[in-house]
Amino acid sequence: MICSANGEKFKLLVIGKASMPRAFNNVLPKDIIWKSNPKAWMTATYFMEYLQKFNYVIGQQNRKVLLLTDNASFHPEIELSNVTALNTGIIKHFELKYRQFRNRHNNLSFRTLSRETK
């Protein structure tokens, strides 16, 4: 999923096992990009095709963007004219911040509970 801080969203890339799911009745929704493979996995090819479409749209708007990606195996080195990719280990950073938040919340809840039982 590609989205911006001000709420803009690019078409969602959905990967499934079926080349055309029955639920769509042979008509894909306009707000998604559908891809398929036997294991329904993201591949480097799908990822690059998606980014090239995004790069084209951004280029038509005469904009430049910074794209934050994780270091998943299907994220190749990206060289696009309007997109700069920054691989920063986003998921690991998010998990760390979430754990810190959860631990802080659990500690506060425990202290409050301890005070109430005294």
C-alpha atoms as a PDB file:
ATOM      1  CA  MET A   1       0.000   0.000   0.000  1.00  0.00           C
ATOM      2  CA  ILE A   2       1.264   3.438  -0.869  1.00  0.00           C
ATOM      3  CA  CYS A   3      -0.278   6.411   0.903  1.00  0.00           C
ATOM      4  CA  SER A   4       0.810   9.851   2.013  1.00  0.00           C
ATOM      5  CA  ALA A   5       0.603  11.763   5.255  1.00  0.00           C
ATOM      6  CA  ASN A   6      -2.186  13.944   3.883  1.00  0.00           C
ATOM      7  CA  GLY A   7      -4.428  10.991   2.990  1.00  0.00           C
ATOM      8  CA  GLU A   8      -3.635  10.375  -0.679  1.00  0.00           C
ATOM      9  CA  LYS A   9      -3.738   6.689  -1.612  1.00  0.00           C
ATOM     10  CA  PHE A  10      -2.401   4.864  -4.633  1.00  0.00           C
ATOM     11  CA  LYS A  11      -4.235   1.797  -5.912  1.00  0.00           C
ATOM     12  CA  LEU A  12      -3.839  -1.154  -3.575  1.00  0.00           C
ATOM     13  CA  LEU A  13      -1.838  -4.098  -4.936  1.00  0.00           C
ATOM     14  CA  VAL A  14      -3.651  -7.343  -4.062  1.00  0.00           C
ATOM     15  CA  ILE A  15      -2.050 -10.733  -4.731  1.00  0.00           C
ATOM     16  CA  GLY A  16      -4.104 -13.906  -4.727  1.00  0.00           C
ATOM     17  CA  LYS A  17      -3.909 -17.458  -6.004  1.00  0.00           C
ATOM     18  CA  ALA A  18      -6.668 -17.167  -8.618  1.00  0.00           C
ATOM     19  CA  SER A  19      -6.014 -15.249 -11.825  1.00  0.00           C
ATOM     20  CA  MET A  20      -9.591 -13.891 -11.652  1.00  0.00           C
ATOM     21  CA  PRO A  21     -11.449 -14.538  -8.392  1.00  0.00           C
ATOM     22  CA  ARG A  22     -15.095 -15.551  -8.773  1.00  0.00           C
ATOM     23  CA  ALA A  23     -16.124 -12.864  -6.297  1.00  0.00           C
ATOM     24  CA  PHE A  24     -15.236 -10.178  -8.850  1.00  0.00           C
ATOM     25  CA  ASN A  25     -17.523 -11.669 -11.555  1.00  0.00           C
ATOM     26  CA  ASN A  26     -14.810 -11.062 -14.178  1.00  0.00           C
ATOM     27  CA  VAL A  27     -14.748  -7.318 -13.373  1.00  0.00           C
ATOM     28  CA  LEU A  28     -11.910  -6.034 -11.184  1.00  0.00           C
ATOM     29  CA  PRO A  29     -12.594  -3.063  -8.906  1.00  0.00           C
ATOM     30  CA  LYS A  30     -11.024   0.123 -10.270  1.00  0.00           C
ATOM     31  CA  ASP A  31      -9.249   0.923  -6.999  1.00  0.00           C
ATOM     32  CA  ILE A  32      -7.051  -2.207  -6.888  1.00  0.00           C
ATOM     33  CA  ILE A  33      -4.322  -3.818  -8.952  1.00  0.00           C
ATOM     34  CA  TRP A  34      -4.779  -7.605  -8.977  1.00  0.00           C
ATOM     35  CA  LYS A  35      -1.875 -10.043  -9.425  1.00  0.00           C
ATOM     36  CA  SER A  36      -1.747 -13.779  -8.891  1.00  0.00           C
ATOM     37  CA  ASN A  37       0.693 -16.606  -8.371  1.00  0.00           C
ATOM     38  CA  PRO A  38       0.380 -20.124  -6.883  1.00  0.00           C
ATOM     39  CA  LYS A  39       1.404 -19.052  -3.362  1.00  0.00           C
ATOM     40  CA  ALA A  40      -0.109 -15.526  -3.405  1.00  0.00           C
ATOM     41  CA  TRP A  41       3.298 -14.043  -2.540  1.00  0.00           C
ATOM     42  CA  MET A  42       4.735 -10.666  -3.406  1.00  0.00           C
ATOM     43  CA  THR A  43       7.581 -10.993  -5.891  1.00  0.00           C
ATOM     44  CA  ALA A  44      10.272  -8.549  -6.956  1.00  0.00           C
ATOM     45  CA  THR A  45       8.655  -8.398 -10.412  1.00  0.00           C
ATOM     46  CA  TYR A  46       5.236  -7.463  -9.011  1.00  0.00           C
ATOM     47  CA  PHE A  47       6.824  -4.942  -6.659  1.00  0.00           C
ATOM     48  CA  MET A  48       8.770  -3.239  -9.459  1.00  0.00           C
ATOM     49  CA  GLU A  49       5.724  -3.156 -11.787  1.00  0.00           C
ATOM     50  CA  TYR A  50       3.720  -1.533  -8.977  1.00  0.00           C
ATOM     51  CA  LEU A  51       6.425   1.044  -8.293  1.00  0.00           C
ATOM     52  CA  GLN A  52       6.824   1.841 -11.987  1.00  0.00           C
ATOM     53  CA  LYS A  53       3.079   2.579 -12.208  1.00  0.00           C
ATOM     54  CA  PHE A  54       3.370   4.745  -9.107  1.00  0.00           C
ATOM     55  CA  ASN A  55       6.422   6.512 -10.557  1.00  0.00           C
ATOM     56  CA  TYR A  56       4.476   7.254 -13.754  1.00  0.00           C
ATOM     57  CA  VAL A  57       1.536   8.745 -11.815  1.00  0.00           C
ATOM     58  CA  ILE A  58       3.845  10.868  -9.660  1.00  0.00           C
ATOM     59  CA  GLY A  59       5.754  12.011 -12.768  1.00  0.00           C
ATOM     60  CA  GLN A  60       2.495  13.094 -14.439  1.00  0.00           C
ATOM     61  CA  GLN A  61       1.798  15.254 -11.376  1.00  0.00           C
ATOM     62  CA  ASN A  62       5.332  16.726 -11.588  1.00  0.00           C
ATOM     63  CA  ARG A  63       6.112  15.594  -8.037  1.00  0.00           C
ATOM     64  CA  LYS A  64       8.973  13.884  -6.260  1.00  0.00           C
ATOM     65  CA  VAL A  65       8.404  11.477  -3.367  1.00  0.00           C
ATOM     66  CA  LEU A  66      10.355   9.628  -0.710  1.00  0.00           C
ATOM     67  CA  LEU A  67       9.251   6.007  -0.381  1.00  0.00           C
ATOM     68  CA  LEU A  68       9.924   4.182   2.888  1.00  0.00           C
ATOM     69  CA  THR A  69      10.292   0.431   2.473  1.00  0.00           C
ATOM     70  CA  ASP A  70      11.369  -2.440   4.637  1.00  0.00           C
ATOM     71  CA  ASN A  71      14.189  -4.803   3.694  1.00  0.00           C
ATOM     72  CA  ALA A  72      11.983  -7.657   2.479  1.00  0.00           C
ATOM     73  CA  SER A  73      13.588  -9.978  -0.058  1.00  0.00           C
ATOM     74  CA  PHE A  74      11.262  -8.791  -2.846  1.00  0.00           C
ATOM     75  CA  HIS A  75      12.344  -5.141  -2.410  1.00  0.00           C
ATOM     76  CA  PRO A  76      15.136  -4.754  -4.969  1.00  0.00           C
ATOM     77  CA  GLU A  77      17.347  -1.703  -5.328  1.00  0.00           C
ATOM     78  CA  ILE A  78      15.032   0.926  -6.718  1.00  0.00           C
ATOM     79  CA  GLU A  79      16.026   3.498  -9.304  1.00  0.00           C
ATOM     80  CA  LEU A  80      13.063   5.560 -10.468  1.00  0.00           C
ATOM     81  CA  SER A  81      13.072   9.145 -11.658  1.00  0.00           C
ATOM     82  CA  ASN A  82      10.378  10.473  -9.305  1.00  0.00           C
ATOM     83  CA  VAL A  83      10.689   8.054  -6.375  1.00  0.00           C
ATOM     84  CA  THR A  84      13.527   7.801  -3.876  1.00  0.00           C
ATOM     85  CA  ALA A  85      13.381   4.614  -1.808  1.00  0.00           C
ATOM     86  CA  LEU A  86      14.647   4.587   1.722  1.00  0.00           C
ATOM     87  CA  ASN A  87      15.070   1.170   3.313  1.00  0.00           C
ATOM     88  CA  THR A  88      15.001   1.863   7.016  1.00  0.00           C
ATOM     89  CA  GLY A  89      13.772  -1.310   8.658  1.00  0.00           C
ATOM     90  CA  ILE A  90      10.402   0.306   9.253  1.00  0.00           C
ATOM     91  CA  ILE A  91       8.676  -2.811  10.542  1.00  0.00           C
ATOM     92  CA  LYS A  92      11.380  -3.527  13.112  1.00  0.00           C
ATOM     93  CA  HIS A  93      11.275   0.091  14.261  1.00  0.00           C
ATOM     94  CA  PHE A  94       7.478  -0.016  14.516  1.00  0.00           C
ATOM     95  CA  GLU A  95       7.610  -3.269  16.496  1.00  0.00           C
ATOM     96  CA  LEU A  96      10.170  -1.753  18.870  1.00  0.00           C
ATOM     97  CA  LYS A  97       8.047   1.365  19.446  1.00  0.00           C
ATOM     98  CA  TYR A  98       4.921  -0.760  19.880  1.00  0.00           C
ATOM     99  CA  ARG A  99       6.629  -2.973  22.465  1.00  0.00           C
ATOM    100  CA  GLN A 100       7.866   0.110  24.341  1.00  0.00           C
ATOM    101  CA  PHE A 101       4.361   1.576  24.315  1.00  0.00           C
ATOM    102  CA  ARG A 102       2.780  -1.702  25.404  1.00  0.00           C
ATOM    103  CA  ASN A 103       5.322  -2.166  28.224  1.00  0.00           C
ATOM    104  CA  ARG A 104       4.805   1.407  29.400  1.00  0.00           C
ATOM    105  CA  HIS A 105       1.026   0.901  29.341  1.00  0.00           C
ATOM    106  CA  ASN A 106       1.278  -2.426  31.190  1.00  0.00           C
ATOM    107  CA  ASN A 107       3.493  -0.853  33.866  1.00  0.00           C
ATOM    108  CA  LEU A 108       1.049   2.026  34.361  1.00  0.00           C
ATOM    109  CA  SER A 109      -1.897  -0.382  34.581  1.00  0.00           C
ATOM    110  CA  PHE A 110      -0.051  -2.532  37.127  1.00  0.00           C
ATOM    111  CA  ARG A 111       0.812   0.509  39.277  1.00  0.00           C
ATOM    112  CA  THR A 112      -2.782   1.746  39.173  1.00  0.00           C
ATOM    113  CA  LEU A 113      -4.080  -1.694  40.075  1.00  0.00           C
ATOM    114  CA  SER A 114      -1.562  -1.979  42.924  1.00  0.00           C
ATOM    115  CA  ARG A 115      -2.689   1.367  44.379  1.00  0.00           C
ATOM    116  CA  GLU A 116      -6.358   0.393  44.163  1.00  0.00           C
ATOM    117  CA  THR A 117      -5.829  -2.876  46.050  1.00  0.00           C
ATOM    118  CA  LYS A 118      -3.977  -1.249  48.975  1.00  0.00           C
END
